[in-house]
Amino acid sequence: MALAARIALGFVAFQHVLFLVLEMFFWTKPFGRRTFGLSEQQANDSAALAANQGLYNGFLAAGLVWAMVPGPHAIATGIFFTTCVTVAGIFGGLTAKRSILFVQALPGVIALALVLATQA
């Protein structure tokens, strides 16, 4: 896999590790509430859901890192996980907060394009 694709996969994986940390450990803290625009009550009421969401982001990060490991699986794994990131980002951007389109979906699309370009 080309270096640019690996760098993009690494960036998107790093983002999802950060999302995991924010959603699982900082959701109810001042930094997390500011980041997501939540009141203390909203954060407390949704903490279990956020932790679950954070765990899923961790699985996405793990898959993206796996795609960076050289081998016959790398391109297919990269395509699968960047597609998952992109779809989740589009859904989040349309249903939760528009900025998710730029923070999650756009890097996913860029990484997907770079992974696909390595096939040519």
N, C-alpha and C. Protein backbone atom coordinates (compact mmCIF):
# COMPACT_ATOMS: atom_id res chain seq x y z
N MET A 1 0.86 -1.18 0.00
CA MET A 1 0.00 0.00 0.00
C MET A 1 0.90 1.24 0.00
N ALA A 2 0.51 2.24 -0.73
CA ALA A 2 1.30 3.45 -0.86
C ALA A 2 1.41 4.19 0.48
N LEU A 3 2.51 4.91 0.63
CA LEU A 3 2.78 5.65 1.86
C LEU A 3 1.66 6.66 2.16
N ALA A 4 1.19 7.37 1.16
CA ALA A 4 0.13 8.37 1.38
C ALA A 4 -1.13 7.72 1.94
N ALA A 5 -1.47 6.55 1.45
CA ALA A 5 -2.65 5.84 1.95
C ALA A 5 -2.44 5.42 3.40
N ARG A 6 -1.25 4.95 3.73
CA ARG A 6 -0.97 4.55 5.12
C ARG A 6 -1.02 5.75 6.06
N ILE A 7 -0.50 6.88 5.60
CA ILE A 7 -0.54 8.09 6.43
C ILE A 7 -1.99 8.51 6.66
N ALA A 8 -2.81 8.49 5.61
CA ALA A 8 -4.22 8.87 5.74
C ALA A 8 -4.95 7.90 6.68
N LEU A 9 -4.69 6.61 6.53
CA LEU A 9 -5.30 5.62 7.43
C LEU A 9 -4.87 5.88 8.87
N GLY A 10 -3.60 6.19 9.06
CA GLY A 10 -3.11 6.49 10.41
C GLY A 10 -3.76 7.72 11.00
N PHE A 11 -3.95 8.74 10.18
CA PHE A 11 -4.61 9.96 10.66
C PHE A 11 -6.05 9.67 11.09
N VAL A 12 -6.78 8.95 10.25
CA VAL A 12 -8.18 8.64 10.57
C VAL A 12 -8.25 7.72 11.79
N ALA A 13 -7.33 6.78 11.91
CA ALA A 13 -7.30 5.91 13.09
C ALA A 13 -7.04 6.75 14.34
N PHE A 14 -6.09 7.68 14.26
CA PHE A 14 -5.79 8.55 15.40
C PHE A 14 -7.01 9.37 15.79
N GLN A 15 -7.74 9.90 14.79
CA GLN A 15 -8.97 10.63 15.09
C GLN A 15 -9.94 9.76 15.89
N HIS A 16 -10.09 8.52 15.48
CA HIS A 16 -11.07 7.66 16.13
C HIS A 16 -10.63 7.23 17.52
N VAL A 17 -9.34 7.17 17.76
CA VAL A 17 -8.86 6.96 19.13
C VAL A 17 -9.23 8.18 19.98
N LEU A 18 -9.06 9.37 19.42
CA LEU A 18 -9.45 10.59 20.14
C LEU A 18 -10.96 10.60 20.40
N PHE A 19 -11.76 10.20 19.42
CA PHE A 19 -13.21 10.14 19.62
C PHE A 19 -13.53 9.17 20.75
N LEU A 20 -12.85 8.02 20.77
CA LEU A 20 -13.04 7.04 21.84
C LEU A 20 -12.77 7.69 23.19
N VAL A 21 -11.66 8.36 23.32
CA VAL A 21 -11.28 8.98 24.60
C VAL A 21 -12.31 10.04 25.00
N LEU A 22 -12.69 10.88 24.05
CA LEU A 22 -13.68 11.92 24.35
C LEU A 22 -15.01 11.32 24.80
N GLU A 23 -15.47 10.32 24.08
CA GLU A 23 -16.80 9.78 24.34
C GLU A 23 -16.84 8.85 25.55
N MET A 24 -15.76 8.13 25.80
CA MET A 24 -15.76 7.19 26.92
C MET A 24 -15.30 7.80 28.24
N PHE A 25 -14.39 8.77 28.17
CA PHE A 25 -13.77 9.26 29.39
C PHE A 25 -14.00 10.75 29.69
N PHE A 26 -14.34 11.55 28.67
CA PHE A 26 -14.50 12.99 28.90
C PHE A 26 -15.90 13.51 28.62
N TRP A 27 -16.83 12.63 28.28
CA TRP A 27 -18.18 13.04 27.90
C TRP A 27 -18.83 13.93 28.95
N THR A 28 -18.71 13.57 30.22
CA THR A 28 -19.37 14.33 31.29
C THR A 28 -18.45 15.39 31.91
N LYS A 29 -17.21 15.44 31.48
CA LYS A 29 -16.27 16.44 31.99
C LYS A 29 -16.45 17.76 31.24
N PRO A 30 -16.00 18.87 31.80
CA PRO A 30 -16.17 20.17 31.12
C PRO A 30 -15.64 20.19 29.68
N PHE A 31 -14.48 19.59 29.45
CA PHE A 31 -13.92 19.58 28.10
C PHE A 31 -14.84 18.83 27.13
N GLY A 32 -15.31 17.68 27.54
CA GLY A 32 -16.21 16.90 26.69
C GLY A 32 -17.53 17.60 26.45
N ARG A 33 -18.08 18.19 27.50
CA ARG A 33 -19.36 18.91 27.34
C ARG A 33 -19.19 20.10 26.39
N ARG A 34 -18.09 20.80 26.51
CA ARG A 34 -17.82 21.93 25.59
C ARG A 34 -17.66 21.43 24.16
N THR A 35 -16.91 20.36 24.00
CA THR A 35 -16.65 19.81 22.67
C THR A 35 -17.95 19.43 21.96
N PHE A 36 -18.87 18.83 22.69
CA PHE A 36 -20.10 18.35 22.08
C PHE A 36 -21.29 19.27 22.31
N GLY A 37 -21.07 20.40 22.99
CA GLY A 37 -22.15 21.37 23.21
C GLY A 37 -23.27 20.83 24.08
N LEU A 38 -22.92 20.16 25.16
CA LEU A 38 -23.91 19.53 26.03
C LEU A 38 -23.98 20.21 27.38
N SER A 39 -25.17 20.25 27.92
CA SER A 39 -25.31 20.69 29.30
C SER A 39 -24.86 19.54 30.20
N GLU A 40 -24.65 19.84 31.47
CA GLU A 40 -24.25 18.79 32.41
C GLU A 40 -25.31 17.70 32.47
N GLN A 41 -26.58 18.10 32.48
CA GLN A 41 -27.67 17.13 32.54
C GLN A 41 -27.71 16.25 31.29
N GLN A 42 -27.56 16.88 30.11
CA GLN A 42 -27.56 16.11 28.86
C GLN A 42 -26.41 15.10 28.85
N ALA A 43 -25.24 15.55 29.27
CA ALA A 43 -24.07 14.67 29.28
C ALA A 43 -24.28 13.50 30.23
N ASN A 44 -24.79 13.78 31.43
CA ASN A 44 -25.03 12.71 32.40
C ASN A 44 -26.08 11.73 31.89
N ASP A 45 -27.13 12.25 31.28
CA ASP A 45 -28.21 11.40 30.78
C ASP A 45 -27.78 10.50 29.62
N SER A 46 -26.79 10.94 28.85
CA SER A 46 -26.39 10.20 27.66
C SER A 46 -25.01 9.54 27.79
N ALA A 47 -24.45 9.52 28.99
CA ALA A 47 -23.08 9.01 29.18
C ALA A 47 -22.93 7.55 28.75
N ALA A 48 -23.89 6.70 29.07
CA ALA A 48 -23.78 5.29 28.69
C ALA A 48 -23.82 5.13 27.17
N LEU A 49 -24.67 5.91 26.51
CA LEU A 49 -24.73 5.85 25.04
C LEU A 49 -23.43 6.34 24.43
N ALA A 50 -22.87 7.40 24.99
CA ALA A 50 -21.61 7.95 24.49
C ALA A 50 -20.47 6.95 24.66
N ALA A 51 -20.44 6.26 25.80
CA ALA A 51 -19.40 5.26 26.02
C ALA A 51 -19.50 4.13 25.00
N ASN A 52 -20.72 3.71 24.70
CA ASN A 52 -20.94 2.69 23.68
C ASN A 52 -20.45 3.19 22.33
N GLN A 53 -20.78 4.41 22.00
CA GLN A 53 -20.34 5.03 20.74
C GLN A 53 -18.81 5.11 20.70
N GLY A 54 -18.21 5.46 21.81
CA GLY A 54 -16.75 5.52 21.88
C GLY A 54 -16.11 4.17 21.63
N LEU A 55 -16.72 3.13 22.18
CA LEU A 55 -16.20 1.78 21.95
C LEU A 55 -16.22 1.44 20.47
N TYR A 56 -17.31 1.78 19.79
CA TYR A 56 -17.39 1.54 18.34
C TYR A 56 -16.31 2.31 17.60
N ASN A 57 -16.03 3.52 18.03
CA ASN A 57 -14.96 4.29 17.40
C ASN A 57 -13.61 3.61 17.61
N GLY A 58 -13.45 2.98 18.76
CA GLY A 58 -12.23 2.21 19.00
C GLY A 58 -12.09 1.03 18.05
N PHE A 59 -13.22 0.37 17.76
CA PHE A 59 -13.18 -0.73 16.80
C PHE A 59 -12.81 -0.23 15.40
N LEU A 60 -13.34 0.94 15.03
CA LEU A 60 -12.97 1.52 13.74
C LEU A 60 -11.47 1.81 13.70
N ALA A 61 -10.94 2.39 14.78
CA ALA A 61 -9.50 2.68 14.84
C ALA A 61 -8.69 1.39 14.70
N ALA A 62 -9.11 0.34 15.39
CA ALA A 62 -8.38 -0.93 15.31
C ALA A 62 -8.38 -1.47 13.88
N GLY A 63 -9.51 -1.38 13.21
CA GLY A 63 -9.59 -1.85 11.83
C GLY A 63 -8.72 -1.03 10.89
N LEU A 64 -8.67 0.26 11.11
CA LEU A 64 -7.83 1.13 10.28
C LEU A 64 -6.35 0.83 10.50
N VAL A 65 -5.97 0.57 11.74
CA VAL A 65 -4.58 0.19 12.03
C VAL A 65 -4.27 -1.16 11.38
N TRP A 66 -5.19 -2.09 11.46
CA TRP A 66 -5.01 -3.39 10.82
C TRP A 66 -4.79 -3.22 9.31
N ALA A 67 -5.51 -2.29 8.70
CA ALA A 67 -5.35 -2.04 7.27
C ALA A 67 -3.96 -1.50 6.93
N MET A 68 -3.29 -0.92 7.90
CA MET A 68 -1.95 -0.37 7.66
C MET A 68 -0.87 -1.46 7.69
N VAL A 69 -1.20 -2.62 8.22
CA VAL A 69 -0.24 -3.72 8.30
C VAL A 69 -0.11 -4.35 6.91
N PRO A 70 1.11 -4.42 6.39
CA PRO A 70 1.28 -4.99 5.05
C PRO A 70 0.76 -6.43 4.97
N GLY A 71 0.18 -6.73 3.83
CA GLY A 71 -0.31 -8.09 3.60
C GLY A 71 -1.42 -8.08 2.57
N PRO A 72 -1.87 -9.26 2.18
CA PRO A 72 -2.90 -9.35 1.15
C PRO A 72 -4.25 -8.79 1.59
N HIS A 73 -4.44 -8.64 2.89
CA HIS A 73 -5.71 -8.13 3.43
C HIS A 73 -5.77 -6.59 3.41
N ALA A 74 -4.64 -5.92 3.28
CA ALA A 74 -4.54 -4.49 3.59
C ALA A 74 -5.50 -3.63 2.78
N ILE A 75 -5.56 -3.81 1.49
CA ILE A 75 -6.39 -2.94 0.66
C ILE A 75 -7.87 -3.18 0.94
N ALA A 76 -8.29 -4.44 0.97
CA ALA A 76 -9.70 -4.74 1.24
C ALA A 76 -10.11 -4.24 2.63
N THR A 77 -9.23 -4.43 3.60
CA THR A 77 -9.52 -3.96 4.95
C THR A 77 -9.59 -2.44 4.99
N GLY A 78 -8.67 -1.79 4.30
CA GLY A 78 -8.69 -0.33 4.23
C GLY A 78 -9.95 0.20 3.58
N ILE A 79 -10.37 -0.44 2.50
CA ILE A 79 -11.60 -0.03 1.81
C ILE A 79 -12.79 -0.20 2.76
N PHE A 80 -12.87 -1.35 3.41
CA PHE A 80 -14.01 -1.61 4.29
C PHE A 80 -14.08 -0.57 5.42
N PHE A 81 -12.98 -0.38 6.14
CA PHE A 81 -13.04 0.49 7.31
C PHE A 81 -13.15 1.97 6.95
N THR A 82 -12.54 2.41 5.86
CA THR A 82 -12.73 3.82 5.46
C THR A 82 -14.15 4.05 4.95
N THR A 83 -14.74 3.04 4.34
CA THR A 83 -16.15 3.15 3.93
C THR A 83 -17.04 3.24 5.17
N CYS A 84 -16.76 2.42 6.18
CA CYS A 84 -17.53 2.50 7.43
C CYS A 84 -17.42 3.89 8.06
N VAL A 85 -16.20 4.42 8.12
CA VAL A 85 -15.98 5.76 8.68
C VAL A 85 -16.75 6.80 7.89
N THR A 86 -16.69 6.71 6.58
CA THR A 86 -17.36 7.68 5.72
C THR A 86 -18.88 7.63 5.90
N VAL A 87 -19.44 6.44 5.89
CA VAL A 87 -20.89 6.29 6.06
C VAL A 87 -21.32 6.80 7.44
N ALA A 88 -20.57 6.45 8.47
CA ALA A 88 -20.88 6.93 9.82
C ALA A 88 -20.79 8.45 9.88
N GLY A 89 -19.77 9.02 9.23
CA GLY A 89 -19.61 10.47 9.21
C GLY A 89 -20.74 11.17 8.48
N ILE A 90 -21.17 10.62 7.37
CA ILE A 90 -22.30 11.21 6.63
C ILE A 90 -23.57 11.12 7.46
N PHE A 91 -23.81 9.97 8.04
CA PHE A 91 -25.01 9.80 8.88
C PHE A 91 -24.98 10.77 10.05
N GLY A 92 -23.84 10.86 10.73
CA GLY A 92 -23.72 11.79 11.85
C GLY A 92 -23.88 13.24 11.42
N GLY A 93 -23.33 13.57 10.26
CA GLY A 93 -23.46 14.93 9.75
C GLY A 93 -24.89 15.30 9.40
N LEU A 94 -25.65 14.33 8.95
CA LEU A 94 -27.04 14.58 8.58
C LEU A 94 -28.01 14.52 9.76
N THR A 95 -27.65 13.74 10.78
CA THR A 95 -28.59 13.53 11.89
C THR A 95 -28.20 14.19 13.20
N ALA A 96 -26.92 14.46 13.40
CA ALA A 96 -26.48 14.98 14.69
C ALA A 96 -25.91 16.39 14.59
N LYS A 97 -24.83 16.53 13.85
CA LYS A 97 -24.13 17.81 13.78
C LYS A 97 -23.42 17.91 12.44
N ARG A 98 -23.69 18.96 11.70
CA ARG A 98 -23.16 19.10 10.35
C ARG A 98 -21.63 19.04 10.30
N SER A 99 -20.96 19.52 11.33
CA SER A 99 -19.49 19.54 11.32
C SER A 99 -18.89 18.13 11.24
N ILE A 100 -19.67 17.11 11.59
CA ILE A 100 -19.18 15.72 11.50
C ILE A 100 -18.85 15.37 10.05
N LEU A 101 -19.53 16.00 9.12
CA LEU A 101 -19.22 15.76 7.71
C LEU A 101 -17.77 16.11 7.41
N PHE A 102 -17.27 17.18 8.02
CA PHE A 102 -15.92 17.65 7.73
C PHE A 102 -14.88 17.01 8.64
N VAL A 103 -15.26 16.71 9.88
CA VAL A 103 -14.32 16.15 10.85
C VAL A 103 -14.12 14.66 10.64
N GLN A 104 -15.18 13.94 10.27
CA GLN A 104 -15.09 12.49 10.15
C GLN A 104 -15.24 12.00 8.71
N ALA A 105 -16.29 12.44 8.02
CA ALA A 105 -16.56 11.90 6.69
C ALA A 105 -15.49 12.31 5.67
N LEU A 106 -15.10 13.58 5.67
CA LEU A 106 -14.12 14.04 4.67
C LEU A 106 -12.78 13.32 4.82
N PRO A 107 -12.19 13.23 6.02
CA PRO A 107 -10.95 12.44 6.11
C PRO A 107 -11.14 10.98 5.70
N GLY A 108 -12.31 10.42 5.99
CA GLY A 108 -12.59 9.06 5.57
C GLY A 108 -12.61 8.92 4.06
N VAL A 109 -13.23 9.88 3.38
CA VAL A 109 -13.29 9.87 1.91
C VAL A 109 -11.89 10.01 1.32
N ILE A 110 -11.10 10.90 1.90
CA ILE A 110 -9.73 11.10 1.40
C ILE A 110 -8.92 9.82 1.57
N ALA A 111 -9.01 9.21 2.76
CA ALA A 111 -8.28 7.96 2.99
C ALA A 111 -8.77 6.86 2.06
N LEU A 112 -10.08 6.77 1.86
CA LEU A 112 -10.65 5.78 0.94
C LEU A 112 -10.11 5.98 -0.47
N ALA A 113 -10.10 7.21 -0.93
CA ALA A 113 -9.59 7.51 -2.29
C ALA A 113 -8.12 7.11 -2.42
N LEU A 114 -7.34 7.38 -1.40
CA LEU A 114 -5.92 7.02 -1.44
C LEU A 114 -5.72 5.50 -1.41
N VAL A 115 -6.52 4.81 -0.64
CA VAL A 115 -6.44 3.34 -0.62
C VAL A 115 -6.84 2.78 -1.99
N LEU A 116 -7.93 3.30 -2.55
CA LEU A 116 -8.37 2.83 -3.87
C LEU A 116 -7.31 3.13 -4.94
N ALA A 117 -6.63 4.25 -4.80
CA ALA A 117 -5.59 4.62 -5.78
C ALA A 117 -4.41 3.65 -5.76
N THR A 118 -4.21 2.97 -4.66
CA THR A 118 -3.11 2.02 -4.59
C THR A 118 -3.40 0.76 -5.40
N GLN A 119 -4.65 0.54 -5.74
CA GLN A 119 -5.01 -0.63 -6.56
C GLN A 119 -4.67 -0.43 -8.01
N ALA A 120 -4.63 0.82 -8.46
CA ALA A 120 -4.41 1.10 -9.89
C ALA A 120 -3.01 0.81 -10.33
